[in-house]
N, C-alpha and C. Protein backbone atom coordinates (compact mmCIF):
# COMPACT_ATOMS: atom_id res chain seq x y z
N UNK A 1 -10.11 8.60 6.26
CA UNK A 1 -10.36 8.15 7.70
C UNK A 1 -10.66 10.06 7.83
N UNK A 2 -11.62 10.16 8.58
CA UNK A 2 -12.19 11.66 8.74
C UNK A 2 -11.29 12.02 10.07
N UNK A 3 -10.80 13.29 9.97
CA UNK A 3 -9.81 13.90 11.03
C UNK A 3 -10.86 14.90 11.73
N UNK A 4 -11.18 14.80 12.77
CA UNK A 4 -12.22 15.26 13.63
C UNK A 4 -12.11 16.72 13.66
N UNK A 5 -10.82 17.27 13.47
CA UNK A 5 -10.73 18.88 13.80
C UNK A 5 -10.92 19.35 12.33
N UNK A 6 -9.84 18.87 11.48
CA UNK A 6 -10.27 19.59 10.00
C UNK A 6 -11.51 18.99 9.09
N UNK A 7 -11.87 17.92 9.67
CA UNK A 7 -13.08 17.31 8.57
C UNK A 7 -12.22 17.09 7.15
N UNK A 8 -11.34 16.24 7.13
CA UNK A 8 -10.31 15.80 5.76
C UNK A 8 -10.25 14.24 5.77
N UNK A 9 -10.12 13.72 4.64
CA UNK A 9 -9.88 12.25 4.77
C UNK A 9 -8.82 11.78 4.15
N UNK A 10 -8.61 10.71 4.48
CA UNK A 10 -7.17 10.23 3.93
C UNK A 10 -7.71 9.53 2.31
N UNK A 11 -6.89 9.98 1.37
CA UNK A 11 -7.04 9.70 -0.07
C UNK A 11 -6.14 8.38 -0.25
N UNK A 12 -6.64 7.48 -1.32
CA UNK A 12 -5.72 6.24 -1.49
C UNK A 12 -4.21 6.56 -1.67
N UNK A 13 -4.24 7.60 -2.81
CA UNK A 13 -2.61 8.26 -2.98
C UNK A 13 -2.01 8.69 -1.57
N UNK A 14 -2.59 9.10 -0.86
CA UNK A 14 -1.97 9.70 0.71
C UNK A 14 -1.27 8.47 1.66
N UNK A 15 -2.41 7.58 1.61
CA UNK A 15 -2.16 6.18 2.45
C UNK A 15 -0.87 5.61 1.99
N UNK A 16 -1.06 5.27 0.38
CA UNK A 16 -0.22 4.54 -0.24
C UNK A 16 1.18 5.04 -0.26
N UNK A 17 1.28 6.63 -0.10
CA UNK A 17 2.67 7.17 -0.06
C UNK A 17 3.33 6.95 1.28
N UNK A 18 2.03 6.89 2.42
CA UNK A 18 2.64 6.68 3.61
C UNK A 18 3.33 5.37 3.86
N UNK A 19 2.80 4.55 3.25
CA UNK A 19 3.37 3.12 3.63
C UNK A 19 4.34 2.51 2.51
N UNK A 20 4.49 3.17 1.55
CA UNK A 20 5.13 2.55 0.14
C UNK A 20 6.82 1.72 0.87
N UNK A 21 7.21 2.69 1.74
CA UNK A 21 8.69 2.19 2.08
C UNK A 21 8.49 1.25 2.91
N UNK A 22 7.42 1.22 3.79
CA UNK A 22 7.34 -0.11 4.39
C UNK A 22 7.10 -1.42 3.35
N UNK A 23 6.36 -1.10 2.58
CA UNK A 23 5.78 -2.43 1.29
C UNK A 23 7.15 -2.66 0.77
N UNK A 24 7.77 -1.79 0.34
CA UNK A 24 9.02 -2.02 -0.35
C UNK A 24 10.41 -3.01 0.69
N UNK A 25 10.45 -2.25 2.01
CA UNK A 25 10.95 -3.10 2.95
C UNK A 25 10.75 -4.51 2.88
N UNK A 26 9.40 -4.68 2.98
CA UNK A 26 8.70 -6.33 3.40
C UNK A 26 9.24 -6.86 2.00
N UNK A 27 8.91 -6.36 0.80
CA UNK A 27 9.00 -7.08 -0.40
C UNK A 27 10.59 -7.45 -0.55
N UNK A 28 11.41 -6.33 -0.56
CA UNK A 28 12.81 -6.76 -0.29
C UNK A 28 13.05 -7.80 0.46
N UNK A 29 12.65 -7.62 1.86
CA UNK A 29 13.19 -8.93 2.78
C UNK A 29 12.59 -10.60 1.98
N UNK A 30 11.67 -10.53 1.55
CA UNK A 30 11.14 -11.72 0.82
C UNK A 30 11.61 -11.97 -0.05
N UNK A 31 11.60 -11.15 -1.40
CA UNK A 31 12.21 -11.38 -2.58
C UNK A 31 13.92 -11.36 -2.73
N UNK A 32 14.45 -10.48 -1.64
CA UNK A 32 16.19 -10.33 -1.66
C UNK A 32 16.58 -9.90 -3.05
N UNK A 33 15.86 -9.30 -3.59
CA UNK A 33 16.10 -8.45 -5.23
C UNK A 33 15.27 -7.21 -5.18
N UNK A 34 16.04 -6.43 -4.94
CA UNK A 34 15.86 -4.79 -4.82
C UNK A 34 15.05 -4.43 -6.17
N UNK A 35 15.45 -4.88 -7.58
CA UNK A 35 14.32 -4.60 -8.67
C UNK A 35 13.37 -5.34 -8.43
N UNK A 36 13.27 -6.43 -8.12
CA UNK A 36 11.97 -7.48 -7.85
C UNK A 36 11.05 -6.80 -7.15
N UNK A 37 11.73 -6.46 -6.10
CA UNK A 37 10.92 -5.60 -4.80
C UNK A 37 10.25 -4.43 -5.10
N UNK A 38 10.88 -3.72 -6.05
CA UNK A 38 10.44 -2.36 -6.51
C UNK A 38 9.47 -2.49 -7.69
N UNK A 39 9.61 -3.48 -8.53
CA UNK A 39 8.47 -4.11 -9.51
C UNK A 39 6.93 -4.05 -8.93
N UNK A 40 7.19 -5.29 -7.73
CA UNK A 40 6.01 -5.50 -6.98
C UNK A 40 5.75 -4.68 -6.46
N UNK A 41 6.33 -3.92 -5.73
CA UNK A 41 5.36 -2.75 -5.05
C UNK A 41 4.54 -2.06 -5.99
N UNK A 42 5.27 -1.59 -7.01
CA UNK A 42 4.56 -0.63 -7.96
C UNK A 42 3.43 -1.52 -8.78
N UNK A 43 3.24 -2.63 -8.85
CA UNK A 43 2.27 -3.50 -9.39
C UNK A 43 1.21 -3.62 -8.40
N UNK A 44 1.58 -3.59 -6.98
CA UNK A 44 0.53 -3.96 -5.97
C UNK A 44 0.07 -2.43 -5.61
N UNK A 45 0.65 -1.06 -5.88
CA UNK A 45 0.28 -0.16 -5.55
C UNK A 45 -0.72 0.64 -6.92
N UNK A 46 -0.48 0.10 -7.91
CA UNK A 46 -1.34 0.45 -9.17
C UNK A 46 -2.53 -0.19 -9.20
N UNK A 47 -2.42 -1.82 -8.76
CA UNK A 47 -3.33 -2.53 -8.65
C UNK A 47 -4.61 -2.16 -7.77
N UNK A 48 -3.82 -1.52 -6.51
CA UNK A 48 -4.87 -1.10 -5.52
C UNK A 48 -5.73 0.15 -5.89
N UNK A 49 -5.12 1.22 -6.82
CA UNK A 49 -5.80 2.05 -7.34
C UNK A 49 -7.48 1.82 -7.09
N UNK A 50 -7.60 0.84 -8.19
CA UNK A 50 -9.08 0.03 -8.57
C UNK A 50 -9.53 -0.52 -7.55
N UNK A 51 -9.05 -1.05 -6.62
CA UNK A 51 -9.53 -1.91 -5.69
C UNK A 51 -9.98 -0.98 -4.28
N UNK A 52 -8.98 -0.40 -4.05
CA UNK A 52 -9.20 0.19 -2.71
C UNK A 52 -9.29 1.86 -2.92
N UNK A 53 -9.75 2.29 -4.05
CA UNK A 53 -9.61 3.94 -3.79
C UNK A 53 -10.98 4.47 -2.87
N UNK A 54 -11.75 3.53 -3.01
CA UNK A 54 -12.86 4.08 -1.91
C UNK A 54 -12.77 3.77 -0.36
N UNK A 55 -11.59 3.30 -0.15
CA UNK A 55 -11.48 3.33 1.27
C UNK A 55 -10.94 4.94 1.88
N UNK A 56 -11.17 5.01 3.03
CA UNK A 56 -10.49 6.13 3.27
C UNK A 56 -9.87 5.90 4.65
N UNK A 57 -9.71 4.73 5.21
CA UNK A 57 -9.04 4.56 6.42
C UNK A 57 -7.66 4.25 5.93
N UNK A 58 -6.74 4.88 6.59
CA UNK A 58 -5.12 4.46 5.96
C UNK A 58 -4.83 2.98 6.53
N UNK A 59 -5.19 2.70 7.77
CA UNK A 59 -4.62 1.32 8.50
C UNK A 59 -5.05 0.45 7.58
N UNK A 60 -6.53 0.34 6.92
CA UNK A 60 -7.15 -0.60 6.29
C UNK A 60 -6.68 -0.46 4.76
N UNK A 61 -6.27 0.45 4.19
CA UNK A 61 -5.24 0.58 2.70
C UNK A 61 -4.01 -0.07 3.13
N UNK A 62 -3.26 0.40 4.36
CA UNK A 62 -2.17 -0.51 4.29
C UNK A 62 -2.19 -1.98 4.49
N UNK A 63 -3.05 -2.33 5.25
CA UNK A 63 -3.20 -3.89 5.57
C UNK A 63 -3.80 -4.74 4.25
N UNK A 64 -4.52 -4.12 3.26
CA UNK A 64 -4.97 -4.75 2.18
C UNK A 64 -3.75 -4.67 1.41
N UNK A 65 -3.05 -3.47 0.96
CA UNK A 65 -1.59 -3.58 0.13
C UNK A 65 -0.79 -4.64 0.61
N UNK A 66 -0.80 -4.82 1.88
CA UNK A 66 0.30 -5.65 2.66
C UNK A 66 -0.25 -6.99 2.24
N UNK A 67 -1.60 -7.38 2.55
CA UNK A 67 -1.96 -8.88 1.87
C UNK A 67 -1.90 -9.02 0.62
N UNK A 68 -2.25 -8.08 -0.18
CA UNK A 68 -1.91 -8.15 -1.61
C UNK A 68 -0.30 -8.66 -2.08
N UNK A 69 0.48 -7.91 -1.31
CA UNK A 69 1.96 -8.26 -1.71
C UNK A 69 2.43 -9.64 -1.37
N UNK A 70 1.85 -10.25 -0.11
CA UNK A 70 2.30 -11.59 0.47
C UNK A 70 1.60 -12.50 -0.46
N UNK A 71 0.20 -12.21 -1.03
CA UNK A 71 -0.22 -13.17 -2.15
C UNK A 71 0.27 -13.16 -3.27
N UNK A 72 0.94 -12.25 -3.76
CA UNK A 72 1.79 -11.83 -4.99
C UNK A 72 3.09 -12.89 -4.82
N UNK A 73 3.70 -12.83 -3.41
CA UNK A 73 5.17 -13.29 -3.22
C UNK A 73 4.76 -15.04 -3.27
N UNK A 74 3.50 -15.53 -2.65
CA UNK A 74 3.12 -16.68 -2.34
C UNK A 74 3.15 -17.26 -3.48
């Protein structure tokens, strides 16, 4: 997402680092296992590099990673 003042954009890595705590918290609530939650979030974020690296909107990246997390748990 472009910042109108500085003309920068959000990279996948920046967006992922901003939402990783929320992803972990959600995974832990669903799985009730800290190690499994950590492993799942790692898998989701690594897989997301290939699928979502072209996105520049942090909210869109967060939404897609959260959707992937729920699909894996299902």
